[in-house]
Protein backbone atom coordinates (compact mmCIF):
# COMPACT_ATOMS: atom_id res chain seq x y z
CA MET A 1 -8.94 16.59 39.58
CA GLU A 2 -7.02 19.80 38.83
CA LYS A 3 -8.85 23.12 38.60
CA TYR A 4 -7.65 26.22 36.71
CA THR A 5 -8.96 29.69 35.95
CA GLN A 6 -8.54 30.77 32.34
CA GLY A 7 -9.75 33.56 30.09
CA CYS A 8 -11.74 32.64 27.00
CA SER A 9 -9.64 32.59 23.83
CA LEU A 10 -12.42 34.02 21.65
CA ASP A 11 -11.46 37.61 22.58
CA CYS A 12 -15.03 38.99 22.78
CA TYR A 13 -15.83 42.24 24.56
CA ASP A 14 -17.03 40.65 27.79
CA LEU A 15 -13.76 38.73 28.34
CA CYS A 16 -15.33 35.63 29.84
CA LYS A 17 -13.46 33.82 32.53
CA PHE A 18 -13.62 30.03 32.70
CA THR A 19 -13.01 27.39 35.31
CA ILE A 20 -11.20 24.50 33.63
CA TYR A 21 -11.21 21.01 35.13
CA LYS A 22 -8.47 18.56 34.15
CA GLU A 23 -8.02 14.91 34.96
CA ASN A 24 -5.07 12.79 33.77
CA ASP A 25 -3.78 15.70 31.64
CA LYS A 26 -7.11 15.98 29.81
CA VAL A 27 -9.61 18.81 30.06
CA ILE A 28 -12.88 17.21 31.10
CA LYS A 29 -15.10 20.19 31.88
CA ILE A 30 -15.32 23.95 31.28
CA THR A 31 -17.67 26.15 33.30
CA GLY A 32 -18.13 29.86 33.64
CA ASP A 33 -16.31 31.48 36.55
CA LYS A 34 -18.99 32.78 38.90
CA ASN A 35 -16.47 35.32 40.27
CA ASN A 36 -16.38 37.18 36.95
CA GLU A 37 -18.18 40.45 37.69
CA ILE A 38 -19.25 40.94 34.08
CA THR A 39 -20.59 37.49 33.18
CA ASN A 40 -21.33 35.98 36.63
CA GLY A 41 -20.47 32.53 35.32
CA PHE A 42 -22.38 32.76 32.03
CA ILE A 43 -20.74 31.22 28.95
CA CYS A 44 -22.08 31.88 25.45
CA VAL A 45 -22.80 29.00 23.05
CA LYS A 46 -19.44 29.45 21.28
CA GLY A 47 -17.64 29.28 24.61
CA GLN A 48 -19.60 26.19 25.61
CA LYS A 49 -18.31 24.46 22.48
CA HIS A 50 -14.61 24.85 23.38
CA LEU A 51 -14.40 21.32 24.74
CA ASP A 52 -16.09 19.88 21.63
CA ARG A 53 -13.62 21.70 19.39
CA LEU A 54 -10.63 20.73 21.52
CA TYR A 55 -11.19 17.00 21.11
CA HIS A 56 -13.06 16.89 17.78
CA LYS A 57 -11.78 14.11 15.51
CA ASP A 58 -11.49 16.53 12.55
CA ARG A 59 -9.65 19.27 14.44
CA LEU A 60 -6.64 20.59 12.56
CA LYS A 61 -3.53 20.38 14.70
CA SER A 62 -0.94 21.60 12.24
CA PRO A 63 -0.85 23.91 9.21
CA LEU A 64 -1.72 22.44 5.81
CA LEU A 65 0.05 23.23 2.54
CA LYS A 66 -1.84 22.68 -0.70
CA VAL A 67 0.21 20.50 -3.05
CA GLY A 68 -1.64 19.87 -6.29
CA ASP A 69 -5.12 18.67 -5.39
CA THR A 70 -4.23 17.54 -1.86
CA PHE A 71 -3.04 19.04 1.40
CA LYS A 72 0.15 18.12 3.22
CA GLU A 73 0.76 18.72 6.92
CA ILE A 74 3.69 21.04 7.65
CA THR A 75 5.14 22.44 10.86
CA PHE A 76 4.25 25.86 12.21
CA GLN A 77 7.84 26.96 11.56
CA GLU A 78 7.54 25.88 7.91
CA ALA A 79 4.24 27.76 7.58
CA LEU A 80 5.68 30.94 9.10
CA SER A 81 8.74 30.67 6.86
CA LEU A 82 6.57 30.29 3.75
CA ILE A 83 4.41 33.27 4.71
CA GLY A 84 7.52 35.34 5.47
CA GLU A 85 9.09 34.43 2.13
CA LYS A 86 5.94 35.37 0.23
CA LEU A 87 5.51 38.67 2.09
CA SER A 88 9.18 39.52 1.44
CA PHE A 89 8.88 38.60 -2.23
CA TYR A 90 5.82 40.76 -2.87
CA LYS A 91 7.17 43.71 -0.89
CA LYS A 92 10.52 43.60 -2.71
CA ASN A 93 9.08 43.12 -6.19
CA PHE A 94 5.79 45.02 -6.04
CA SER A 95 5.85 47.17 -2.82
CA SER A 96 4.03 46.52 0.43
CA LYS A 97 0.87 48.05 -1.05
CA SER A 98 0.57 45.09 -3.42
CA VAL A 99 -0.66 43.08 -0.43
CA ILE A 100 -4.33 43.45 0.39
CA HIS A 101 -5.55 42.56 3.85
CA TYR A 102 -9.22 41.87 4.35
CA SER A 103 -10.45 41.61 7.91
CA GLU A 104 -14.04 40.94 8.78
CA SER A 105 -16.15 39.63 11.58
CA GLY A 106 -14.79 37.34 14.28
CA ALA A 107 -13.97 38.38 17.80
CA GLY A 108 -13.98 42.04 18.75
CA GLY A 109 -11.99 42.29 21.95
CA LEU A 110 -8.51 43.36 22.89
CA LEU A 111 -6.72 41.67 19.99
CA LYS A 112 -9.10 42.88 17.28
CA GLY A 113 -6.98 44.79 14.83
CA ILE A 114 -3.61 43.43 16.01
CA GLU A 115 -2.87 42.64 12.37
CA ASP A 116 -2.92 46.40 11.70
CA VAL A 117 0.14 46.77 13.93
CA PHE A 118 1.92 43.98 12.03
CA PHE A 119 1.13 45.44 8.63
CA ASN A 120 2.13 48.93 9.78
CA PHE A 121 5.62 47.57 10.52
CA TYR A 122 5.53 45.71 7.20
CA GLY A 123 5.26 49.07 5.47
CA GLY A 124 1.59 49.75 4.95
CA ILE A 125 -0.77 47.72 2.79
CA THR A 126 -3.95 47.96 0.81
CA THR A 127 -7.16 47.41 2.75
CA SER A 128 -10.77 47.10 1.73
CA ILE A 129 -13.52 49.61 2.31
CA GLY A 130 -16.85 48.34 3.50
CA SER A 131 -17.89 44.88 4.47
CA THR A 132 -19.38 41.75 2.97
CA CYS A 133 -22.06 42.10 5.65
CA TRP A 134 -23.17 45.56 4.52
């Protein structure tokens, strides 16, 4: 059995650290790292569900493009190209401020707000005020 130390991908404030156990190239167990000074090996319920999500039969493994009433699998490169084309189109024809970005909830750690950096380079956008939770 192989053993790895990995940070949680949920990007919460406490930055949980996991011990990952692999056997035959498959993750078989995830536990909290007892050496983490902040969490002392504790994993929240969302973190405990990583393994369930990883191998869930309905897990999406590639982007989906809506075509009529159905969805078609496309590659990540195709998805990024489509998004890039649309962002370029709207910026060129209507200005960058024609794009509204709504961000709410989710993780609140180091990467929270990284989209603001992207949209700043894009040229500035429209954002919402307030929250659906308020």
